[in-house]
PDB file of N, CA and C in Angstrom:
ATOM      1  N   MET A   1    -165.638   3.003  -4.594  1.00  0.00           N
ATOM      2  CA  MET A   1    -164.492   3.725  -4.614  1.00  0.00           C
ATOM      3  C   MET A   1    -164.807   5.273  -4.573  1.00  0.00           C
ATOM      4  N   ALA A   2    -163.990   5.909  -3.437  1.00  0.00           N
ATOM      5  CA  ALA A   2    -164.445   7.321  -3.224  1.00  0.00           C
ATOM      6  C   ALA A   2    -163.903   8.169  -4.366  1.00  0.00           C
ATOM      7  N   THR A   3    -164.721   9.058  -4.452  1.00  0.00           N
ATOM      8  CA  THR A   3    -164.433  10.244  -5.454  1.00  0.00           C
ATOM      9  C   THR A   3    -163.709  11.249  -4.715  1.00  0.00           C
ATOM     10  N   GLU A   4    -162.827  12.170  -5.396  1.00  0.00           N
ATOM     11  CA  GLU A   4    -162.228  13.187  -4.869  1.00  0.00           C
ATOM     12  C   GLU A   4    -163.023  14.206  -4.030  1.00  0.00           C
ATOM     13  N   ALA A   5    -164.246  14.278  -4.543  1.00  0.00           N
ATOM     14  CA  ALA A   5    -165.117  15.266  -3.661  1.00  0.00           C
ATOM     15  C   ALA A   5    -165.354  14.677  -2.291  1.00  0.00           C
ATOM     16  N   LEU A   6    -165.586  13.109  -2.294  1.00  0.00           N
ATOM     17  CA  LEU A   6    -165.906  12.654  -1.249  1.00  0.00           C
ATOM     18  C   LEU A   6    -164.883  12.449  -0.258  1.00  0.00           C
ATOM     19  N   ASP A   7    -163.424  12.316  -0.755  1.00  0.00           N
ATOM     20  CA  ASP A   7    -162.193  12.361   0.020  1.00  0.00           C
ATOM     21  C   ASP A   7    -162.148  13.697   0.800  1.00  0.00           C
ATOM     22  N   GLU A   8    -162.428  14.827  -0.117  1.00  0.00           N
ATOM     23  CA  GLU A   8    -162.149  16.128   0.582  1.00  0.00           C
ATOM     24  C   GLU A   8    -163.361  16.434   1.638  1.00  0.00           C
ATOM     25  N   LEU A   9    -164.531  15.928   1.330  1.00  0.00           N
ATOM     26  CA  LEU A   9    -165.587  16.084   2.272  1.00  0.00           C
ATOM     27  C   LEU A   9    -165.290  15.299   3.598  1.00  0.00           C
ATOM     28  N   HIS A  10    -164.786  14.193   3.479  1.00  0.00           N
ATOM     29  CA  HIS A  10    -164.300  13.247   4.567  1.00  0.00           C
ATOM     30  C   HIS A  10    -163.327  13.964   5.435  1.00  0.00           C
ATOM     31  N   SER A  11    -162.171  14.439   4.806  1.00  0.00           N
ATOM     32  CA  SER A  11    -161.156  15.149   5.436  1.00  0.00           C
ATOM     33  C   SER A  11    -161.648  16.213   6.231  1.00  0.00           C
ATOM     34  N   GLN A  12    -162.584  17.188   5.674  1.00  0.00           N
ATOM     35  CA  GLN A  12    -163.164  18.267   6.375  1.00  0.00           C
ATOM     36  C   GLN A  12    -164.119  17.784   7.596  1.00  0.00           C
ATOM     37  N   ALA A  13    -164.687  16.722   7.302  1.00  0.00           N
ATOM     38  CA  ALA A  13    -165.570  16.274   8.414  1.00  0.00           C
ATOM     39  C   ALA A  13    -164.550  15.890   9.588  1.00  0.00           C
ATOM     40  N   LEU A  14    -163.564  15.250   9.449  1.00  0.00           N
ATOM     41  CA  LEU A  14    -162.745  14.778  10.597  1.00  0.00           C
ATOM     42  C   LEU A  14    -162.149  16.058  11.343  1.00  0.00           C
ATOM     43  N   THR A  15    -162.333  17.140  10.764  1.00  0.00           N
ATOM     44  CA  THR A  15    -161.833  18.416  11.343  1.00  0.00           C
ATOM     45  C   THR A  15    -162.783  18.952  12.348  1.00  0.00           C
ATOM     46  N   LEU A  16    -164.133  18.600  12.235  1.00  0.00           N
ATOM     47  CA  LEU A  16    -165.094  19.058  13.137  1.00  0.00           C
ATOM     48  C   LEU A  16    -164.977  18.756  14.481  1.00  0.00           C
ATOM     49  N   SER A  17    -165.468  19.218  15.566  1.00  0.00           N
ATOM     50  CA  SER A  17    -165.634  18.789  16.767  1.00  0.00           C
ATOM     51  C   SER A  17    -166.422  17.458  17.000  1.00  0.00           C
ATOM     52  N   GLU A  18    -166.077  16.820  17.918  1.00  0.00           N
ATOM     53  CA  GLU A  18    -166.883  15.435  18.387  1.00  0.00           C
ATOM     54  C   GLU A  18    -168.430  15.612  18.402  1.00  0.00           C
ATOM     55  N   SER A  19    -169.063  16.633  18.920  1.00  0.00           N
ATOM     56  CA  SER A  19    -170.288  16.837  18.856  1.00  0.00           C
ATOM     57  C   SER A  19    -170.768  17.284  17.541  1.00  0.00           C
ATOM     58  N   ASP A  20    -170.018  18.159  16.652  1.00  0.00           N
ATOM     59  CA  ASP A  20    -170.394  18.416  15.281  1.00  0.00           C
ATOM     60  C   ASP A  20    -170.459  17.178  14.373  1.00  0.00           C
ATOM     61  N   ARG A  21    -169.355  16.297  14.561  1.00  0.00           N
ATOM     62  CA  ARG A  21    -169.222  15.208  13.796  1.00  0.00           C
ATOM     63  C   ARG A  21    -170.636  14.279  14.248  1.00  0.00           C
ATOM     64  N   ALA A  22    -170.828  14.078  15.442  1.00  0.00           N
ATOM     65  CA  ALA A  22    -171.978  13.348  15.807  1.00  0.00           C
ATOM     66  C   ALA A  22    -173.272  13.791  15.289  1.00  0.00           C
ATOM     67  N   GLN A  23    -173.375  15.238  15.212  1.00  0.00           N
ATOM     68  CA  GLN A  23    -174.600  15.777  14.641  1.00  0.00           C
ATOM     69  C   GLN A  23    -174.814  15.361  13.111  1.00  0.00           C
ATOM     70  N   LEU A  24    -173.480  15.551  12.351  1.00  0.00           N
ATOM     71  CA  LEU A  24    -173.501  15.271  10.848  1.00  0.00           C
ATOM     72  C   LEU A  24    -173.732  13.746  10.673  1.00  0.00           C
ATOM     73  N   ALA A  25    -173.321  12.926  11.681  1.00  0.00           N
ATOM     74  CA  ALA A  25    -173.551  11.426  11.342  1.00  0.00           C
ATOM     75  C   ALA A  25    -175.107  11.292  11.491  1.00  0.00           C
ATOM     76  N   HIS A  26    -175.559  11.781  12.531  1.00  0.00           N
ATOM     77  CA  HIS A  26    -177.005  11.666  12.911  1.00  0.00           C
ATOM     78  C   HIS A  26    -177.891  12.146  11.698  1.00  0.00           C
ATOM     79  N   ASP A  27    -177.572  13.177  11.218  1.00  0.00           N
ATOM     80  CA  ASP A  27    -178.214  13.892   9.936  1.00  0.00           C
ATOM     81  C   ASP A  27    -178.216  12.881   8.739  1.00  0.00           C
ATOM     82  N   LEU A  28    -176.897  12.438   8.470  1.00  0.00           N
ATOM     83  CA  LEU A  28    -176.691  11.580   7.418  1.00  0.00           C
ATOM     84  C   LEU A  28    -177.496  10.268   7.522  1.00  0.00           C
ATOM     85  N   LEU A  29    -177.245   9.744   8.732  1.00  0.00           N
ATOM     86  CA  LEU A  29    -178.059   8.478   8.791  1.00  0.00           C
ATOM     87  C   LEU A  29    -179.558   8.574   8.678  1.00  0.00           C
ATOM     88  N   LYS A  30    -179.991   9.737   9.318  1.00  0.00           N
ATOM     89  CA  LYS A  30    -181.601  10.010   9.209  1.00  0.00           C
ATOM     90  C   LYS A  30    -181.994  10.173   7.699  1.00  0.00           C
ATOM     91  N   SER A  31    -180.970  10.835   7.006  1.00  0.00           N
ATOM     92  CA  SER A  31    -181.378  11.047   5.455  1.00  0.00           C
ATOM     93  C   SER A  31    -181.631   9.592   4.873  1.00  0.00           C
ATOM     94  N   LEU A  32    -181.083   8.669   5.383  1.00  0.00           N
ATOM     95  CA  LEU A  32    -181.091   7.231   4.637  1.00  0.00           C
ATOM     96  C   LEU A  32    -182.344   6.587   5.235  1.00  0.00           C
ATOM     97  N   ASP A  33    -183.021   7.045   6.181  1.00  0.00           N
ATOM     98  CA  ASP A  33    -184.108   6.060   6.870  1.00  0.00           C
ATOM     99  C   ASP A  33    -185.178   6.197   5.797  1.00  0.00           C
ATOM    100  N   ILE A  34    -185.995   4.974   5.913  1.00  0.00           N
ATOM    101  CA  ILE A  34    -187.119   4.751   5.066  1.00  0.00           C
ATOM    102  C   ILE A  34    -188.181   5.501   5.986  1.00  0.00           C
ATOM    103  N   PRO A  35    -189.499   5.531   5.033  1.00  0.00           N
ATOM    104  CA  PRO A  35    -190.588   6.078   5.804  1.00  0.00           C
ATOM    105  C   PRO A  35    -190.849   5.487   7.098  1.00  0.00           C
ATOM    106  N   ALA A  36    -191.461   6.062   7.939  1.00  0.00           N
ATOM    107  CA  ALA A  36    -191.755   5.413   9.283  1.00  0.00           C
ATOM    108  C   ALA A  36    -192.851   4.510   9.141  1.00  0.00           C
ATOM    109  N   ASP A  37    -192.596   3.216   9.748  1.00  0.00           N
ATOM    110  CA  ASP A  37    -193.664   2.187   9.786  1.00  0.00           C
ATOM    111  C   ASP A  37    -194.752   2.636  10.902  1.00  0.00           C
ATOM    112  N   LYS A  38    -195.993   2.633  10.698  1.00  0.00           N
ATOM    113  CA  LYS A  38    -196.827   3.186  11.719  1.00  0.00           C
ATOM    114  C   LYS A  38    -196.866   2.214  13.023  1.00  0.00           C
ATOM    115  N   ASP A  39    -196.783   0.715  12.606  1.00  0.00           N
ATOM    116  CA  ASP A  39    -196.791  -0.088  13.768  1.00  0.00           C
ATOM    117  C   ASP A  39    -195.572   0.109  14.703  1.00  0.00           C
ATOM    118  N   VAL A  40    -194.487   0.354  13.980  1.00  0.00           N
ATOM    119  CA  VAL A  40    -193.280   0.526  14.789  1.00  0.00           C
ATOM    120  C   VAL A  40    -193.295   1.888  15.720  1.00  0.00           C
ATOM    121  N   SER A  41    -193.886   2.865  15.070  1.00  0.00           N
ATOM    122  CA  SER A  41    -194.016   4.019  15.745  1.00  0.00           C
ATOM    123  C   SER A  41    -194.997   3.943  17.026  1.00  0.00           C
ATOM    124  N   GLY A  42    -196.099   3.040  16.835  1.00  0.00           N
ATOM    125  CA  GLY A  42    -196.847   2.958  18.005  1.00  0.00           C
ATOM    126  C   GLY A  42    -196.030   2.133  18.990  1.00  0.00           C
ATOM    127  N   GLU A  43    -195.185   1.154  18.663  1.00  0.00           N
ATOM    128  CA  GLU A  43    -194.638   0.353  19.550  1.00  0.00           C
ATOM    129  C   GLU A  43    -193.455   1.330  20.219  1.00  0.00           C
ATOM    130  N   TRP A  44    -192.798   2.261  19.604  1.00  0.00           N
ATOM    131  CA  TRP A  44    -192.002   3.206  20.158  1.00  0.00           C
ATOM    132  C   TRP A  44    -192.742   4.024  21.290  1.00  0.00           C
ATOM    133  N   ASP A  45    -193.944   4.481  20.979  1.00  0.00           N
ATOM    134  CA  ASP A  45    -194.872   5.272  21.890  1.00  0.00           C
ATOM    135  C   ASP A  45    -194.988   4.476  23.074  1.00  0.00           C
ATOM    136  N   VAL A  46    -195.377   3.123  23.229  1.00  0.00           N
ATOM    137  CA  VAL A  46    -195.397   2.291  24.195  1.00  0.00           C
ATOM    138  C   VAL A  46    -193.999   2.133  25.056  1.00  0.00           C
ATOM    139  N   GLU A  47    -192.887   1.982  24.414  1.00  0.00           N
ATOM    140  CA  GLU A  47    -191.683   1.756  24.911  1.00  0.00           C
ATOM    141  C   GLU A  47    -191.244   3.149  25.632  1.00  0.00           C
ATOM    142  N   ILE A  48    -191.438   4.359  24.948  1.00  0.00           N
ATOM    143  CA  ILE A  48    -191.293   5.686  25.604  1.00  0.00           C
ATOM    144  C   ILE A  48    -191.975   5.814  26.981  1.00  0.00           C
ATOM    145  N   GLU A  49    -193.265   5.395  27.098  1.00  0.00           N
ATOM    146  CA  GLU A  49    -194.163   5.544  28.125  1.00  0.00           C
ATOM    147  C   GLU A  49    -193.664   4.687  29.245  1.00  0.00           C
ATOM    148  N   ARG A  50    -193.160   3.276  28.885  1.00  0.00           N
ATOM    149  CA  ARG A  50    -192.604   2.406  29.866  1.00  0.00           C
ATOM    150  C   ARG A  50    -191.408   3.025  30.419  1.00  0.00           C
ATOM    151  N   ARG A  51    -190.502   3.587  29.634  1.00  0.00           N
ATOM    152  CA  ARG A  51    -189.195   4.347  30.060  1.00  0.00           C
ATOM    153  C   ARG A  51    -189.573   5.589  31.001  1.00  0.00           C
ATOM    154  N   ILE A  52    -190.544   6.410  30.632  1.00  0.00           N
ATOM    155  CA  ILE A  52    -190.990   7.334  31.592  1.00  0.00           C
ATOM    156  C   ILE A  52    -191.347   6.945  33.012  1.00  0.00           C
ATOM    157  N   GLU A  53    -192.234   5.913  32.982  1.00  0.00           N
ATOM    158  CA  GLU A  53    -192.732   5.268  34.101  1.00  0.00           C
ATOM    159  C   GLU A  53    -191.768   4.783  35.109  1.00  0.00           C
ATOM    160  N   GLN A  54    -190.549   4.309  34.473  1.00  0.00           N
ATOM    161  CA  GLN A  54    -189.263   3.857  35.105  1.00  0.00           C
ATOM    162  C   GLN A  54    -188.778   4.885  35.825  1.00  0.00           C
ATOM    163  N   ILE A  55    -188.698   5.961  35.110  1.00  0.00           N
ATOM    164  CA  ILE A  55    -187.916   7.193  35.664  1.00  0.00           C
ATOM    165  C   ILE A  55    -188.787   7.901  36.856  1.00  0.00           C
ATOM    166  N   ASP A  56    -190.023   7.964  36.538  1.00  0.00           N
ATOM    167  CA  ASP A  56    -190.998   8.600  37.486  1.00  0.00           C
ATOM    168  C   ASP A  56    -191.007   7.763  38.853  1.00  0.00           C
ATOM    169  N   SER A  57    -190.794   6.280  38.738  1.00  0.00           N
ATOM    170  CA  SER A  57    -190.927   5.504  39.839  1.00  0.00           C
ATOM    171  C   SER A  57    -189.528   5.302  40.478  1.00  0.00           C
ATOM    172  N   ASP A  58    -188.526   5.988  39.862  1.00  0.00           N
ATOM    173  CA  ASP A  58    -187.193   5.874  40.522  1.00  0.00           C
ATOM    174  C   ASP A  58    -186.693   4.308  40.298  1.00  0.00           C
ATOM    175  N   SER A  59    -187.233   3.639  39.195  1.00  0.00           N
ATOM    176  CA  SER A  59    -186.745   2.229  39.153  1.00  0.00           C
ATOM    177  C   SER A  59    -185.777   2.167  37.935  1.00  0.00           C
ATOM    178  N   ALA A  60    -185.457   3.372  37.351  1.00  0.00           N
ATOM    179  CA  ALA A  60    -184.662   3.276  36.102  1.00  0.00           C
ATOM    180  C   ALA A  60    -183.225   3.324  36.551  1.00  0.00           C
ATOM    181  N   SER A  61    -182.247   2.780  35.699  1.00  0.00           N
ATOM    182  CA  SER A  61    -180.920   2.891  36.266  1.00  0.00           C
ATOM    183  C   SER A  61    -180.249   3.733  35.008  1.00  0.00           C
ATOM    184  N   PHE A  62    -179.306   4.576  35.320  1.00  0.00           N
ATOM    185  CA  PHE A  62    -178.785   5.352  34.482  1.00  0.00           C
ATOM    186  C   PHE A  62    -177.111   5.118  34.279  1.00  0.00           C
ATOM    187  N   LEU A  63    -176.649   5.644  33.290  1.00  0.00           N
ATOM    188  CA  LEU A  63    -175.089   5.512  33.012  1.00  0.00           C
ATOM    189  C   LEU A  63    -174.484   6.953  32.829  1.00  0.00           C
ATOM    190  N   ASP A  64    -173.579   7.248  33.216  1.00  0.00           N
ATOM    191  CA  ASP A  64    -173.005   8.649  32.809  1.00  0.00           C
ATOM    192  C   ASP A  64    -172.479   8.391  31.317  1.00  0.00           C
ATOM    193  N   ARG A  65    -172.088   9.303  30.534  1.00  0.00           N
ATOM    194  CA  ARG A  65    -171.670   9.252  29.106  1.00  0.00           C
ATOM    195  C   ARG A  65    -170.424   8.485  29.176  1.00  0.00           C
ATOM    196  N   ASP A  66    -169.432   8.737  29.956  1.00  0.00           N
ATOM    197  CA  ASP A  66    -168.067   8.011  29.777  1.00  0.00           C
ATOM    198  C   ASP A  66    -168.154   6.450  30.020  1.00  0.00           C
ATOM    199  N   THR A  67    -169.254   6.237  30.967  1.00  0.00           N
ATOM    200  CA  THR A  67    -169.266   4.727  31.282  1.00  0.00           C
ATOM    201  C   THR A  67    -170.171   4.066  30.071  1.00  0.00           C
ATOM    202  N   PHE A  68    -170.923   4.747  29.565  1.00  0.00           N
ATOM    203  CA  PHE A  68    -171.655   4.139  28.384  1.00  0.00           C
ATOM    204  C   PHE A  68    -170.810   4.073  27.168  1.00  0.00           C
ATOM    205  N   ARG A  69    -169.978   4.900  26.867  1.00  0.00           N
ATOM    206  CA  ARG A  69    -169.137   5.000  25.808  1.00  0.00           C
ATOM    207  C   ARG A  69    -167.969   3.800  25.988  1.00  0.00           C
ATOM    208  N   ARG A  70    -167.562   3.774  27.293  1.00  0.00           N
ATOM    209  CA  ARG A  70    -166.588   2.630  27.239  1.00  0.00           C
ATOM    210  C   ARG A  70    -167.358   1.211  27.167  1.00  0.00           C
ATOM    211  N   GLN A  71    -168.492   1.073  27.697  1.00  0.00           N
ATOM    212  CA  GLN A  71    -169.319  -0.178  27.659  1.00  0.00           C
ATOM    213  C   GLN A  71    -169.432  -0.409  25.914  1.00  0.00           C
ATOM    214  N   MET A  72    -169.879   0.675  25.287  1.00  0.00           N
ATOM    215  CA  MET A  72    -170.251   0.430  23.929  1.00  0.00           C
ATOM    216  C   MET A  72    -168.906   0.149  22.997  1.00  0.00           C
ATOM    217  N   GLU A  73    -167.782   0.818  23.279  1.00  0.00           N
ATOM    218  CA  GLU A  73    -166.570   0.413  22.702  1.00  0.00           C
ATOM    219  C   GLU A  73    -166.082  -0.986  23.108  1.00  0.00           C
ATOM    220  N   ALA A  74    -166.267  -1.480  24.099  1.00  0.00           N
ATOM    221  CA  ALA A  74    -165.975  -2.719  24.475  1.00  0.00           C
ATOM    222  C   ALA A  74    -166.830  -3.759  23.831  1.00  0.00           C
ATOM    223  N   LYS A  75    -168.109  -3.481  23.642  1.00  0.00           N
ATOM    224  CA  LYS A  75    -168.941  -4.349  22.931  1.00  0.00           C
ATOM    225  C   LYS A  75    -168.496  -4.422  21.435  1.00  0.00           C
ATOM    226  N   ILE A  76    -168.169  -3.250  20.806  1.00  0.00           N
ATOM    227  CA  ILE A  76    -167.821  -3.105  19.349  1.00  0.00           C
ATOM    228  C   ILE A  76    -166.500  -3.978  19.107  1.00  0.00           C
ATOM    229  N   LYS A  77    -165.668  -3.985  20.182  1.00  0.00           N
ATOM    230  CA  LYS A  77    -164.326  -4.665  20.170  1.00  0.00           C
ATOM    231  C   LYS A  77    -164.481  -6.205  20.422  1.00  0.00           C
ATOM    232  N   GLY A  78    -165.846  -6.525  20.884  1.00  0.00           N
ATOM    233  CA  GLY A  78    -166.053  -7.824  21.133  1.00  0.00           C
ATOM    234  C   GLY A  78    -165.443  -8.274  22.433  1.00  0.00           C
ATOM    235  N   LYS A  79    -165.294  -7.494  23.434  1.00  0.00           N
ATOM    236  CA  LYS A  79    -164.747  -7.691  24.879  1.00  0.00           C
ATOM    237  C   LYS A  79    -165.952  -7.967  25.686  1.00  0.00           C
TER     238      LYS A  79
END
């Protein structure tokens, strides 16, 4: 059950711009993260290198923000 303070904060957050809400959501989620797993960190390093190589070799494919957003909304809605 939400408290009055939480309700007020929620209302205020919804008045923020989309980019500010995204930054706030990112910061809140990040505050919930558990300490980094060293094995996972190493795996991310490998993945980042793989993606950089794809970009450098022109084999990477990209989506513009609007297309990505539409695709993610469709996935969330189960379409």
